Amino acid sequence: MLKIILCDDDPFILKIIQEQLEAILSSQKLDGRIVCISSSGKDMISYLKNHPGEYLFFLDLDFGNNEFNGIDLARQIRAVSPGSKIVFVTNHYELALDVLKSGTEPFGFIEKTTDIHKMNRNCYQYLYLANKQLSVHPEEKDQKSISLRPGFDEEISLPIQDILYVEALKTRSHCICYHTINGSSITVRESMEHAMKRLGDGFVRSHRSVIVQKRYMIGMEDGMIRLINGASAPCSFRLRNEIKGIIYGVHRRQSAVSFS
C-alpha cells in the first residue's frame, strides 16, 4: 500500500491537496492512504522517526516561517527514509534547480495553486506513477544508473535521475546525446530505440529524435516542452495532446506511434 504524508505551512493549500488526493484514491481505487498531515516540518520528521518506512511525500518547498525550508526537510527525510518519494509543492520554479543539485532526488514538482482542476491533474500524475512503481520487481528498482560508452575504452555510469532528455544527433550518424540536469552532455553511438528500452516508463518519446524524462516536464508552449531547468525540447504535433496529458496528469490509454 502507498502511504502518503502531506506537509505544508499553508492550511488552505494543505486542505486542497488532501481533498484532491483522497478523491483520486477513492475514484481510481488506488491502493493508498494519507497517514500524516502536518503544517510543521518538525512534527512531520517526528512522525517519520516514530513510524519508519517508505512514503510518498507532498512537501512544501518554501516554508514561510523559516522553521525549515523544503530542501532541509528533504535531506532529513532522505536520512531517515532513503527510499521515500518526494514531490515538492511550490510557486517558485526558480528553486527547482537548487533542489536537483541538492541530492535529495525529487520525484517531481507540483505548482502551488488554488485551481482545483489543475491540482487534481497534478496530484493524479504522481499517485499514478508511485502506484505503478509499487509493482516493479526489486531487481528493476535497483537499476538506478545506465552504462554509457562515449569512447572505445571509456565507460561512464550515468544516474537515470540526472538525465533530462536524450537527443538524436543530425550531424553524427547513429549517435545520440544524453543531456543532464546539470547542463552536461554525453554523446554515444546508440539508437533511440535502444535508449528508450533502457530508460523505461519514466521517459517518453516526444519526437522521433527526442526522449524526455517525464518528471522534468513542466509545460508546453508553441510545440516545445518546457523543462524544469529552463531548457526546452521539441514535441511532434501528433503527440502534443498525449504529452500535455502527461505534464498535467491526464492519463489516457496510449496508442502505438510510429517514428519511421
Protein backbone atom coordinates (compact mmCIF):
# COMPACT_ATOMS: atom_id res chain seq x y z
CA MET A 1 0.00 0.00 0.00
CA LEU A 2 1.13 3.53 -0.81
CA LYS A 3 1.44 5.62 2.37
CA ILE A 4 1.23 9.39 1.88
CA ILE A 5 2.48 12.28 4.01
CA LEU A 6 1.49 15.92 3.44
CA CYS A 7 3.48 18.83 4.86
CA ASP A 8 2.76 22.50 4.10
CA ASP A 9 2.59 25.59 6.31
CA ASP A 10 -0.40 26.93 4.35
CA PRO A 11 -3.56 25.30 5.80
CA PHE A 12 -5.61 26.21 2.73
CA ILE A 13 -3.19 24.54 0.29
CA LEU A 14 -2.86 21.59 2.66
CA LYS A 15 -6.63 21.10 2.61
CA ILE A 16 -6.79 21.34 -1.20
CA ILE A 17 -4.08 18.70 -1.63
CA GLN A 18 -5.69 16.44 0.97
CA GLU A 19 -9.12 16.63 -0.66
CA GLN A 20 -7.78 16.01 -4.16
CA LEU A 21 -5.64 13.06 -3.10
CA GLU A 22 -8.50 11.46 -1.17
CA ALA A 23 -10.87 11.94 -4.12
CA ILE A 24 -8.37 10.37 -6.55
CA LEU A 25 -7.59 7.43 -4.26
CA SER A 26 -11.30 6.73 -3.92
CA SER A 27 -12.41 7.26 -7.53
CA GLN A 28 -9.47 5.40 -9.09
CA LYS A 29 -9.47 2.65 -6.43
CA LEU A 30 -5.74 3.10 -5.86
CA ASP A 31 -4.13 1.19 -3.01
CA GLY A 32 -3.04 4.07 -0.81
CA ARG A 33 -3.99 6.36 2.07
CA ILE A 34 -2.86 9.58 3.73
CA VAL A 35 -1.21 8.69 7.04
CA CYS A 36 0.08 12.09 8.20
CA ILE A 37 -0.94 15.70 7.57
CA SER A 38 1.24 18.39 9.12
CA SER A 39 1.87 22.12 8.88
CA SER A 40 5.11 21.72 10.85
CA GLY A 41 8.34 20.30 9.49
CA LYS A 42 9.44 19.26 12.99
CA ASP A 43 6.21 17.37 13.64
CA MET A 44 6.44 15.65 10.27
CA ILE A 45 10.02 14.48 10.89
CA SER A 46 9.00 13.31 14.37
CA TYR A 47 6.20 11.21 12.85
CA LEU A 48 8.62 9.73 10.31
CA LYS A 49 11.11 8.74 13.02
CA ASN A 50 8.36 7.12 15.09
CA HIS A 51 6.85 5.34 12.08
CA PRO A 52 9.79 4.22 9.90
CA GLY A 53 9.00 3.16 6.35
CA GLU A 54 8.75 4.41 2.79
CA TYR A 55 6.26 7.14 1.90
CA LEU A 56 5.09 9.43 -0.86
CA PHE A 57 5.61 12.99 0.38
CA PHE A 58 3.89 16.12 -0.87
CA LEU A 59 6.26 18.66 0.64
CA ASP A 60 6.16 22.45 0.67
CA LEU A 61 9.38 23.76 -0.86
CA ASP A 62 9.13 27.29 0.54
CA PHE A 63 8.05 27.28 4.18
CA GLY A 64 7.18 30.85 5.20
CA ASN A 65 8.03 30.59 8.89
CA ASN A 66 11.76 29.92 8.40
CA GLU A 67 11.48 26.80 10.58
CA PHE A 68 12.98 24.79 7.74
CA ASN A 69 12.97 25.10 4.01
CA GLY A 70 11.82 22.24 1.85
CA ILE A 71 15.35 21.20 0.89
CA ASP A 72 16.37 20.96 4.57
CA LEU A 73 13.34 18.78 5.27
CA ALA A 74 14.01 16.62 2.21
CA ARG A 75 17.55 15.97 3.43
CA GLN A 76 16.17 14.86 6.80
CA ILE A 77 13.63 12.64 5.06
CA ARG A 78 16.39 11.04 2.99
CA ALA A 79 18.44 10.40 6.16
CA VAL A 80 15.53 8.57 7.83
CA SER A 81 13.76 7.08 4.80
CA PRO A 82 16.05 6.95 1.75
CA GLY A 83 13.51 5.02 -0.34
CA SER A 84 10.69 7.55 0.00
CA LYS A 85 9.40 9.63 -2.92
CA ILE A 86 9.27 13.41 -2.53
CA VAL A 87 7.00 15.67 -4.59
CA PHE A 88 7.74 19.34 -3.96
CA VAL A 89 4.84 21.80 -3.91
CA THR A 90 5.95 25.30 -4.87
CA ASN A 91 5.26 28.60 -6.59
CA HIS A 92 8.97 29.12 -7.18
CA TYR A 93 10.23 27.01 -10.06
CA GLU A 94 13.44 29.02 -9.99
CA LEU A 95 14.29 27.00 -6.87
CA ALA A 96 13.87 23.70 -8.69
CA LEU A 97 17.46 23.64 -9.91
CA ASP A 98 18.65 24.10 -6.31
CA VAL A 99 16.57 21.07 -5.38
CA LEU A 100 18.03 18.98 -8.18
CA LYS A 101 21.57 19.97 -7.18
CA SER A 102 20.89 19.20 -3.51
CA GLY A 103 20.98 15.44 -3.99
CA THR A 104 17.52 14.98 -2.44
CA GLU A 105 16.29 13.10 -5.55
CA PRO A 106 12.84 14.69 -6.08
CA PHE A 107 10.08 12.52 -7.50
CA GLY A 108 8.60 15.64 -9.09
CA PHE A 109 7.16 19.13 -8.66
CA ILE A 110 3.61 20.48 -8.32
CA GLU A 111 2.59 24.09 -8.72
CA LYS A 112 1.05 25.55 -5.56
CA THR A 113 -2.31 26.71 -6.87
CA THR A 114 -5.92 27.19 -5.80
CA ASP A 115 -7.05 25.93 -9.23
CA ILE A 116 -8.78 22.72 -8.12
CA HIS A 117 -8.76 21.08 -11.55
CA LYS A 118 -5.08 21.76 -12.08
CA MET A 119 -4.18 20.48 -8.62
CA ASN A 120 -6.24 17.35 -9.25
CA ARG A 121 -4.42 16.64 -12.52
CA ASN A 122 -1.02 17.15 -10.94
CA CYS A 123 -1.77 15.02 -7.88
CA TYR A 124 -3.13 12.26 -10.11
CA GLN A 125 0.10 12.17 -12.09
CA TYR A 126 2.27 11.36 -9.08
CA LEU A 127 -0.20 8.99 -7.44
CA TYR A 128 -0.38 7.10 -10.73
CA LEU A 129 3.41 6.90 -11.11
CA ALA A 130 4.03 5.99 -7.46
CA ASN A 131 1.41 3.22 -7.56
CA LYS A 132 2.86 1.91 -10.78
CA GLN A 133 6.32 1.72 -9.24
CA LEU A 134 4.98 -0.33 -6.33
CA SER A 135 4.57 -3.25 -8.74
CA VAL A 136 8.12 -3.02 -10.12
CA HIS A 137 10.32 -6.03 -9.32
CA PRO A 138 13.07 -5.35 -6.74
CA GLU A 139 15.85 -6.03 -9.24
CA GLU A 140 14.40 -3.36 -11.55
CA LYS A 141 14.21 -0.82 -8.70
CA ASP A 142 17.91 -1.25 -8.05
CA GLN A 143 18.87 -0.28 -11.61
CA LYS A 144 19.30 3.44 -10.98
CA SER A 145 22.13 4.05 -13.44
CA ILE A 146 22.89 3.17 -17.03
CA SER A 147 26.31 2.49 -18.52
CA LEU A 148 27.44 4.67 -21.43
CA ARG A 149 30.49 4.29 -23.69
CA PRO A 150 31.41 7.68 -25.18
CA GLY A 151 34.77 6.29 -26.31
CA PHE A 152 36.22 2.92 -27.27
CA ASP A 153 37.91 2.35 -23.90
CA GLU A 154 35.79 4.69 -21.77
CA GLU A 155 32.73 3.80 -19.71
CA ILE A 156 30.52 6.15 -17.68
CA SER A 157 27.82 5.24 -15.17
CA LEU A 158 25.06 7.85 -15.51
CA PRO A 159 22.33 8.04 -12.81
CA ILE A 160 18.94 7.86 -14.51
CA GLN A 161 17.61 10.66 -12.29
CA ASP A 162 20.25 13.00 -13.79
CA ILE A 163 19.02 12.54 -17.36
CA LEU A 164 16.92 15.46 -18.60
CA TYR A 165 16.43 14.33 -22.19
CA VAL A 166 18.09 12.35 -24.97
CA GLU A 167 18.55 13.71 -28.47
CA ALA A 168 19.45 12.08 -31.78
CA LEU A 169 22.28 13.99 -33.45
CA LYS A 170 21.73 15.21 -37.00
CA THR A 171 25.42 15.80 -37.56
CA ARG A 172 26.63 12.34 -36.49
CA SER A 173 25.02 9.24 -37.92
CA HIS A 174 23.76 6.65 -35.38
CA CYS A 175 24.78 8.82 -32.43
CA ILE A 176 22.66 10.24 -29.61
CA CYS A 177 23.36 12.73 -26.84
CA TYR A 178 22.31 12.36 -23.20
CA HIS A 179 21.62 15.82 -21.71
CA THR A 180 21.73 16.05 -17.90
CA ILE A 181 20.06 18.36 -15.41
CA ASN A 182 23.38 19.99 -14.54
CA GLY A 183 23.96 21.07 -18.14
CA SER A 184 26.50 18.44 -19.17
CA SER A 185 26.08 16.13 -22.16
CA ILE A 186 27.41 12.73 -23.19
CA THR A 187 27.45 11.55 -26.81
CA VAL A 188 27.41 7.83 -27.56
CA ARG A 189 26.83 5.54 -30.52
CA GLU A 190 23.36 4.14 -29.84
CA SER A 191 19.89 4.06 -31.39
CA MET A 192 16.93 5.94 -29.95
CA GLU A 193 15.00 2.66 -29.77
CA HIS A 194 17.70 1.05 -27.62
CA ALA A 195 17.89 4.09 -25.35
CA MET A 196 14.12 4.12 -24.83
CA LYS A 197 14.13 0.45 -23.82
CA ARG A 198 16.90 1.06 -21.29
CA LEU A 199 15.35 4.18 -19.77
CA GLY A 200 11.89 2.72 -19.15
CA ASP A 201 8.49 4.11 -18.18
CA GLY A 202 9.80 7.29 -16.57
CA PHE A 203 10.60 8.63 -20.05
CA VAL A 204 8.52 9.46 -23.10
CA ARG A 205 9.46 9.82 -26.76
CA SER A 206 8.07 13.23 -27.64
CA HIS A 207 9.57 13.37 -31.13
CA ARG A 208 11.32 10.94 -33.44
CA SER A 209 14.62 12.50 -32.34
CA VAL A 210 13.92 13.22 -28.63
CA ILE A 211 13.26 11.24 -25.42
CA VAL A 212 12.33 13.26 -22.30
CA GLN A 213 12.19 12.36 -18.61
CA LYS A 214 8.53 12.85 -17.64
CA ARG A 215 9.02 14.32 -14.19
CA TYR A 216 11.16 17.17 -15.54
CA MET A 217 8.48 18.41 -17.96
CA ILE A 218 6.63 21.43 -16.55
CA GLY A 219 4.72 22.84 -19.52
CA MET A 220 4.36 23.24 -23.27
CA GLU A 221 4.43 26.31 -25.48
CA ASP A 222 4.42 26.58 -29.28
CA GLY A 223 5.17 22.88 -29.70
CA MET A 224 8.15 22.95 -27.32
CA ILE A 225 8.21 21.13 -23.97
CA ARG A 226 9.41 23.36 -21.14
CA LEU A 227 11.80 21.55 -18.82
CA ILE A 228 12.49 22.14 -15.17
CA ASN A 229 15.93 23.75 -15.71
CA GLY A 230 14.74 26.25 -18.33
CA ALA A 231 15.70 24.15 -21.35
CA SER A 232 13.16 23.02 -23.93
CA ALA A 233 12.64 20.01 -26.18
CA PRO A 234 10.55 19.59 -29.34
CA CYS A 235 7.26 17.73 -29.42
CA SER A 236 5.73 16.15 -32.51
CA PHE A 237 2.40 17.74 -33.49
CA ARG A 238 0.51 14.45 -33.30
CA LEU A 239 1.87 13.75 -29.81
CA ARG A 240 1.08 17.13 -28.24
CA ASN A 241 -2.17 16.07 -26.57
CA GLU A 242 -0.53 12.94 -25.18
CA ILE A 243 2.44 14.90 -23.81
CA LYS A 244 0.16 17.56 -22.33
CA GLY A 245 -1.74 14.74 -20.64
CA ILE A 246 1.47 13.53 -19.02
CA ILE A 247 2.51 17.03 -17.95
CA TYR A 248 -0.86 17.91 -16.45
CA GLY A 249 -1.67 14.49 -15.09
CA VAL A 250 -4.34 13.39 -17.56
CA HIS A 251 -3.53 9.75 -18.29
CA ARG A 252 -5.05 8.23 -21.37
CA ARG A 253 -4.73 4.84 -22.98
CA GLN A 254 -1.81 5.35 -25.36
CA SER A 255 -1.87 4.02 -28.90
CA ALA A 256 1.25 2.89 -30.69
CA VAL A 257 3.03 5.62 -32.63
CA SER A 258 5.49 5.02 -35.43
CA PHE A 259 8.50 7.30 -35.75
CA SER A 260 9.68 5.91 -39.04
